[in-house]
Amino acid sequence: MHDDPLVEAIHRLRKERNAVLLAHYYVDGEVQDLADFVGDSLQLSQAAVKTTADVIVFAGVHFMAETAKILNPSRKVILPDLSAGCSLAEGCPSDKFAAFTARHPEHYVISYINCSAGVKALSDCICTSSNAEKIVRSVPAERPILFAPDRNLGGWLAKKTGRELLLWRGSCLVHETFSERKLIALKARHPEALVLAHPECEPALLAMADYIGSTSGILQYSQKSPATTFIVATETGILHQMQKASPGKTFLPAPPEGNCHCNDCPFMKKNTLEAVHHALETLTPEITLDEALRVKALAPIQRMLELSA
């Protein structure tokens, strides 16, 4: 447990800097508890649009802070740790993606928000796991769709919508670690438990799920469901909000294949209280973007927000 002086210093600096602290569900609970707003990628994008703060401190990963900067060019956007990346974003370099899309010019390009500004700029529309199905269904049936960078989310969307999607073969290092074998064993020990899974998980895991949805969807489902025990197949940070919202219920993290904490995102966990304090104190590291790139990346994000209104 961190002592109060650090928390008090964060509160003081936030007021002095006229800063807002946005936190993703996957960061540590102690950071979530200090945030002005906690949410999934769509909710945080919407919150970034609405803020009147001079400074946005984004407790998340690089593509999220970059998205906030795309939406807020006149505000300082600070990421507590610049090395907080994302395996999906890093697995889809913009130069290789440009070559891929150039080979399929007739396709409508939908990119999952877990990508770089360069990939966003090459896209027709962005989506999150909260609105991906709606975005796919908005595309005319006769128009082919190219979906990147998550193959598991793309495969689930194809099955859900009946649309054929040309997929970039990327995946999330956290959501690919869950063990089908260990999940079966855990379910056998807790037969009453419902399995809640994020669509970034592999198909074998999704086939075992009672509910598939975004982090916010998983949270809402657990609140509304009469069930009292849940096995949660997504990053463990969401368990903090689930337990707060439903203190009488039991939440079990889906086990990874190895004997490790591989179901914790190592990038999200870089957002410590000390890192948040340092970011507020120094207003670094700041996210900066080339203006021409920012404007190109803005259009597909705005399209997403309009479709999600």
Protein backbone atom coordinates (compact mmCIF):
# COMPACT_ATOMS: atom_id res chain seq x y z
CA MET A 1 0.00 0.00 0.00
CA HIS A 2 1.33 3.44 -0.91
CA ASP A 3 1.43 6.10 1.73
CA ASP A 4 -0.99 8.98 1.65
CA PRO A 5 1.61 11.68 0.84
CA LEU A 6 2.01 10.29 -2.70
CA VAL A 7 -1.75 10.23 -3.27
CA GLU A 8 -2.10 13.72 -1.81
CA ALA A 9 0.69 14.98 -4.07
CA ILE A 10 -1.12 13.55 -7.12
CA HIS A 11 -4.36 15.28 -6.10
CA ARG A 12 -2.50 18.58 -5.54
CA LEU A 13 -0.60 18.44 -8.84
CA ARG A 14 -3.75 17.53 -10.74
CA LYS A 15 -5.41 20.73 -9.49
CA GLU A 16 -2.32 22.87 -10.11
CA ARG A 17 -1.90 21.59 -13.65
CA ASN A 18 -5.63 21.59 -14.45
CA ALA A 19 -5.10 17.97 -15.42
CA VAL A 20 -7.50 15.08 -15.91
CA LEU A 21 -6.40 11.50 -15.19
CA LEU A 22 -7.91 8.89 -17.51
CA ALA A 23 -7.34 5.22 -16.68
CA HIS A 24 -8.07 2.01 -18.55
CA TYR A 25 -9.70 -0.92 -16.76
CA TYR A 26 -6.46 -2.90 -17.14
CA VAL A 27 -4.19 -0.66 -15.03
CA ASP A 28 -3.65 -1.37 -11.33
CA GLY A 29 -6.62 -0.78 -9.04
CA GLU A 30 -4.84 1.90 -7.00
CA VAL A 31 -4.46 4.01 -10.16
CA GLN A 32 -8.06 3.33 -11.23
CA ASP A 33 -9.24 4.55 -7.82
CA LEU A 34 -7.47 7.90 -8.32
CA ALA A 35 -8.65 8.48 -11.89
CA ASP A 36 -11.21 11.08 -12.93
CA PHE A 37 -12.56 8.56 -15.42
CA VAL A 38 -12.07 4.79 -15.79
CA GLY A 39 -13.24 2.95 -18.89
CA ASP A 40 -12.56 0.87 -21.96
CA SER A 41 -11.07 2.22 -25.19
CA LEU A 42 -14.35 3.62 -26.53
CA GLN A 43 -15.35 5.24 -23.23
CA LEU A 44 -11.89 6.78 -22.83
CA SER A 45 -11.96 8.15 -26.39
CA GLN A 46 -15.33 9.73 -25.64
CA ALA A 47 -14.05 11.13 -22.34
CA ALA A 48 -10.99 12.59 -24.09
CA VAL A 49 -13.28 14.47 -26.49
CA LYS A 50 -15.31 15.99 -23.66
CA THR A 51 -12.54 17.09 -21.32
CA THR A 52 -11.89 20.78 -20.64
CA ALA A 53 -8.60 20.14 -18.85
CA ASP A 54 -5.31 21.64 -20.07
CA VAL A 55 -3.47 18.36 -19.50
CA ILE A 56 -4.55 14.76 -20.08
CA VAL A 57 -2.58 12.15 -18.15
CA PHE A 58 -3.44 8.83 -19.76
CA ALA A 59 -2.90 5.78 -17.57
CA GLY A 60 -2.98 3.22 -20.35
CA VAL A 61 -0.77 2.35 -23.30
CA HIS A 62 0.80 4.34 -26.12
CA PHE A 63 -1.95 3.99 -28.75
CA MET A 64 -4.54 5.22 -26.23
CA ALA A 65 -2.58 8.36 -25.35
CA GLU A 66 -1.90 8.88 -29.06
CA THR A 67 -5.66 8.66 -29.74
CA ALA A 68 -6.27 11.27 -27.05
CA LYS A 69 -3.72 13.56 -28.73
CA ILE A 70 -5.34 13.05 -32.14
CA LEU A 71 -8.61 14.22 -30.58
CA ASN A 72 -7.01 17.03 -28.52
CA PRO A 73 -4.24 18.74 -30.54
CA SER A 74 -4.16 21.84 -28.32
CA ARG A 75 -3.84 19.95 -25.03
CA LYS A 76 -0.80 18.33 -23.47
CA VAL A 77 -1.21 14.56 -23.44
CA ILE A 78 1.11 12.71 -21.07
CA LEU A 79 1.71 8.95 -20.91
CA PRO A 80 3.25 7.99 -17.54
CA ASP A 81 5.62 5.49 -19.19
CA LEU A 82 6.51 5.92 -22.86
CA SER A 83 7.49 2.25 -23.10
CA ALA A 84 3.91 1.14 -22.38
CA GLY A 85 3.20 -0.33 -25.79
CA CYS A 86 0.81 -2.94 -27.19
CA SER A 87 1.57 -6.20 -28.99
CA LEU A 88 -1.29 -5.59 -31.43
CA ALA A 89 -0.07 -2.12 -32.38
CA GLU A 90 3.56 -3.22 -32.60
CA GLY A 91 2.63 -6.23 -34.73
CA CYS A 92 1.09 -4.01 -37.39
CA PRO A 93 3.73 -1.50 -38.63
CA SER A 94 2.20 1.25 -40.75
CA ASP A 95 4.56 0.69 -43.72
CA LYS A 96 3.65 -3.01 -43.97
CA PHE A 97 -0.02 -2.21 -43.43
CA ALA A 98 0.13 0.39 -46.23
CA ALA A 99 1.48 -2.29 -48.58
CA PHE A 100 -1.25 -4.71 -47.44
CA THR A 101 -4.08 -2.23 -48.02
CA ALA A 102 -2.59 -1.20 -51.38
CA ARG A 103 -3.00 -4.79 -52.55
CA HIS A 104 -6.71 -4.62 -51.70
CA PRO A 105 -7.84 -1.14 -52.79
CA GLU A 106 -11.49 -2.18 -53.15
CA HIS A 107 -11.77 -3.07 -49.45
CA TYR A 108 -13.26 -0.85 -46.76
CA VAL A 109 -10.60 -0.69 -44.03
CA ILE A 110 -11.73 -1.07 -40.41
CA SER A 111 -8.94 -0.93 -37.85
CA TYR A 112 -9.27 -1.86 -34.21
CA ILE A 113 -8.28 1.08 -32.02
CA ASN A 114 -5.29 -0.95 -30.77
CA CYS A 115 -3.07 0.39 -33.57
CA SER A 116 -0.72 3.28 -34.25
CA ALA A 117 -1.69 6.70 -35.61
CA GLY A 118 -0.03 5.64 -38.87
CA VAL A 119 -2.39 2.66 -39.24
CA LYS A 120 -5.38 4.75 -38.22
CA ALA A 121 -4.49 7.22 -40.97
CA LEU A 122 -4.70 4.38 -43.52
CA SER A 123 -8.16 3.32 -42.31
CA ASP A 124 -11.70 4.22 -43.30
CA CYS A 125 -13.09 3.70 -39.80
CA ILE A 126 -11.79 2.77 -36.37
CA CYS A 127 -13.61 0.44 -33.98
CA THR A 128 -13.31 -0.82 -30.42
CA SER A 129 -14.52 -4.14 -29.07
CA SER A 130 -17.59 -2.26 -27.75
CA ASN A 131 -18.74 -1.05 -31.16
CA ALA A 132 -16.97 -3.34 -33.64
CA GLU A 133 -20.08 -5.31 -34.58
CA LYS A 134 -22.02 -2.09 -35.19
CA ILE A 135 -19.20 -0.66 -37.33
CA VAL A 136 -18.96 -3.83 -39.45
CA ARG A 137 -22.73 -3.92 -39.96
CA SER A 138 -22.67 -0.26 -41.10
CA VAL A 139 -20.65 -1.16 -44.20
CA PRO A 140 -22.80 -1.91 -47.29
CA ALA A 141 -23.08 -5.66 -47.93
CA GLU A 142 -21.54 -5.41 -51.38
CA ARG A 143 -18.36 -3.71 -50.09
CA PRO A 144 -15.55 -6.11 -49.02
CA ILE A 145 -13.99 -5.40 -45.62
CA LEU A 146 -10.37 -5.52 -44.52
CA PHE A 147 -10.03 -5.80 -40.72
CA ALA A 148 -6.87 -5.21 -38.67
CA PRO A 149 -4.91 -5.88 -36.57
CA ASP A 150 -6.57 -8.52 -34.29
CA ARG A 151 -7.33 -11.80 -36.05
CA ASN A 152 -9.31 -13.21 -33.11
CA LEU A 153 -11.62 -10.20 -32.84
CA GLY A 154 -11.91 -10.21 -36.65
CA GLY A 155 -12.78 -13.91 -36.74
CA TRP A 156 -15.41 -13.46 -34.03
CA LEU A 157 -16.91 -10.51 -35.94
CA ALA A 158 -17.06 -12.52 -39.16
CA LYS A 159 -18.94 -15.29 -37.36
CA LYS A 160 -21.23 -12.84 -35.57
CA THR A 161 -22.14 -10.72 -38.61
CA GLY A 162 -21.89 -13.28 -41.41
CA ARG A 163 -19.52 -10.95 -43.27
CA GLU A 164 -16.33 -12.20 -44.88
CA LEU A 165 -13.42 -10.21 -43.47
CA LEU A 166 -9.91 -10.08 -44.88
CA LEU A 167 -7.78 -10.22 -41.71
CA TRP A 168 -4.40 -8.90 -40.70
CA ARG A 169 -2.89 -11.73 -38.65
CA GLY A 170 -2.20 -9.91 -35.37
CA SER A 171 -3.00 -10.94 -31.81
CA CYS A 172 -2.83 -9.74 -28.20
CA LEU A 173 -0.09 -11.34 -26.10
CA VAL A 174 -2.37 -11.37 -23.03
CA HIS A 175 -5.51 -12.79 -24.60
CA GLU A 176 -3.59 -15.53 -26.40
CA THR A 177 -2.11 -16.88 -23.16
CA PHE A 178 -5.32 -18.32 -21.70
CA SER A 179 -5.26 -22.09 -21.46
CA GLU A 180 -8.20 -24.10 -22.76
CA ARG A 181 -7.03 -27.10 -20.72
CA LYS A 182 -6.77 -25.13 -17.48
CA LEU A 183 -10.07 -23.35 -18.12
CA ILE A 184 -11.83 -26.71 -18.47
CA ALA A 185 -10.29 -27.79 -15.14
CA LEU A 186 -11.27 -24.54 -13.42
CA LYS A 187 -14.81 -24.84 -14.76
CA ALA A 188 -14.98 -28.41 -13.42
CA ARG A 189 -14.07 -27.10 -9.94
CA HIS A 190 -16.66 -24.30 -10.26
CA PRO A 191 -19.49 -25.72 -12.38
CA GLU A 192 -21.80 -22.89 -11.33
CA ALA A 193 -19.43 -20.24 -12.75
CA LEU A 194 -20.21 -18.36 -15.95
CA VAL A 195 -17.30 -17.76 -18.33
CA LEU A 196 -16.98 -14.16 -19.53
CA ALA A 197 -14.50 -13.61 -22.37
CA HIS A 198 -13.09 -10.76 -24.42
CA PRO A 199 -13.27 -11.33 -28.21
CA GLU A 200 -9.49 -10.96 -28.47
CA CYS A 201 -9.29 -14.50 -27.00
CA GLU A 202 -8.68 -17.46 -29.28
CA PRO A 203 -11.70 -19.27 -30.79
CA ALA A 204 -11.35 -22.33 -28.51
CA LEU A 205 -11.72 -20.06 -25.46
CA LEU A 206 -14.61 -18.12 -26.97
CA ALA A 207 -16.42 -21.41 -27.67
CA MET A 208 -16.51 -22.02 -23.91
CA ALA A 209 -17.82 -18.56 -23.00
CA ASP A 210 -21.29 -17.80 -21.68
CA TYR A 211 -20.78 -14.15 -22.65
CA ILE A 212 -18.37 -12.51 -25.10
CA GLY A 213 -17.87 -8.76 -25.02
CA SER A 214 -15.68 -5.73 -24.38
CA THR A 215 -14.28 -4.96 -20.95
CA SER A 216 -17.19 -2.60 -20.23
CA GLY A 217 -19.60 -5.23 -21.55
CA ILE A 218 -18.08 -7.89 -19.28
CA LEU A 219 -18.37 -5.54 -16.30
CA GLN A 220 -22.01 -4.70 -17.03
CA TYR A 221 -22.93 -8.34 -17.63
CA SER A 222 -21.48 -9.39 -14.26
CA GLN A 223 -23.50 -6.67 -12.51
CA LYS A 224 -26.80 -7.61 -14.14
CA SER A 225 -26.44 -11.39 -14.08
CA PRO A 226 -28.11 -13.32 -11.22
CA ALA A 227 -25.04 -15.61 -11.22
CA THR A 228 -22.63 -15.15 -8.31
CA THR A 229 -19.44 -16.76 -9.66
CA PHE A 230 -17.62 -15.79 -12.85
CA ILE A 231 -14.47 -16.92 -14.64
CA VAL A 232 -13.07 -13.87 -16.45
CA ALA A 233 -10.99 -14.33 -19.60
CA THR A 234 -9.45 -10.92 -20.10
CA GLU A 235 -6.72 -8.84 -18.46
CA THR A 236 -6.95 -9.08 -14.67
CA GLY A 237 -7.22 -5.32 -14.08
CA ILE A 238 -10.96 -5.44 -14.82
CA LEU A 239 -11.52 -7.62 -11.73
CA HIS A 240 -10.97 -4.55 -9.55
CA GLN A 241 -14.01 -2.75 -10.95
CA MET A 242 -16.06 -5.96 -11.07
CA GLN A 243 -15.44 -6.62 -7.39
CA LYS A 244 -16.23 -2.99 -6.48
CA ALA A 245 -19.49 -3.10 -8.45
CA SER A 246 -20.55 -6.52 -7.10
CA PRO A 247 -18.83 -7.09 -3.72
CA GLY A 248 -20.92 -10.18 -2.94
CA LYS A 249 -19.84 -12.04 -6.10
CA THR A 250 -16.78 -14.16 -6.84
CA PHE A 251 -14.51 -13.42 -9.79
CA LEU A 252 -11.88 -15.92 -10.91
CA PRO A 253 -9.23 -14.96 -13.49
CA ALA A 254 -9.00 -17.42 -16.38
CA PRO A 255 -5.64 -19.19 -16.06
CA PRO A 256 -2.78 -18.77 -18.54
CA GLU A 257 -0.97 -21.76 -20.01
CA GLY A 258 2.28 -21.14 -18.16
CA ASN A 259 2.93 -20.78 -14.43
CA CYS A 260 3.17 -17.03 -14.72
CA HIS A 261 1.19 -13.79 -14.50
CA CYS A 262 0.84 -13.82 -18.30
CA ASN A 263 -2.80 -12.73 -18.01
CA ASP A 264 -1.50 -9.39 -16.67
CA CYS A 265 -0.59 -6.91 -19.39
CA PRO A 266 3.04 -5.94 -18.69
CA PHE A 267 2.52 -2.64 -20.51
CA MET A 268 -0.59 -1.59 -18.57
CA LYS A 269 1.17 -2.39 -15.29
CA LYS A 270 3.81 0.25 -16.04
CA ASN A 271 1.23 2.85 -14.94
CA THR A 272 2.21 2.95 -11.28
CA LEU A 273 1.29 5.69 -8.80
CA GLU A 274 4.93 6.82 -8.88
CA ALA A 275 4.84 7.09 -12.68
CA VAL A 276 1.57 9.05 -12.57
CA HIS A 277 3.06 11.41 -9.97
CA HIS A 278 6.20 11.94 -12.04
CA ALA A 279 4.10 12.62 -15.16
CA LEU A 280 2.07 15.28 -13.35
CA GLU A 281 5.15 16.84 -11.75
CA THR A 282 7.22 17.08 -14.95
CA LEU A 283 4.47 17.00 -17.61
CA THR A 284 6.53 14.34 -19.37
CA PRO A 285 6.72 12.17 -21.36
CA GLU A 286 4.49 14.13 -23.73
CA ILE A 287 2.84 12.62 -26.80
CA THR A 288 3.50 14.62 -29.97
CA LEU A 289 2.28 13.98 -33.51
CA ASP A 290 2.97 15.31 -36.98
CA GLU A 291 -0.04 17.51 -37.79
CA ALA A 292 -0.68 16.05 -41.26
CA LEU A 293 -0.68 12.53 -39.80
CA ARG A 294 -2.94 13.63 -36.93
CA VAL A 295 -5.53 15.07 -39.32
CA LYS A 296 -5.53 11.88 -41.44
CA ALA A 297 -5.91 9.70 -38.34
CA LEU A 298 -8.66 11.94 -36.94
CA ALA A 299 -11.18 11.31 -39.74
CA PRO A 300 -11.69 7.55 -39.12
CA ILE A 301 -11.85 8.12 -35.34
CA GLN A 302 -14.53 10.77 -35.81
CA ARG A 303 -16.42 8.36 -38.06
CA MET A 304 -16.32 5.80 -35.26
CA LEU A 305 -17.53 8.29 -32.66
CA GLU A 306 -20.39 9.40 -34.93
CA LEU A 307 -21.47 5.78 -35.47
CA SER A 308 -21.22 5.11 -31.72
CA ALA A 309 -23.24 8.14 -30.61
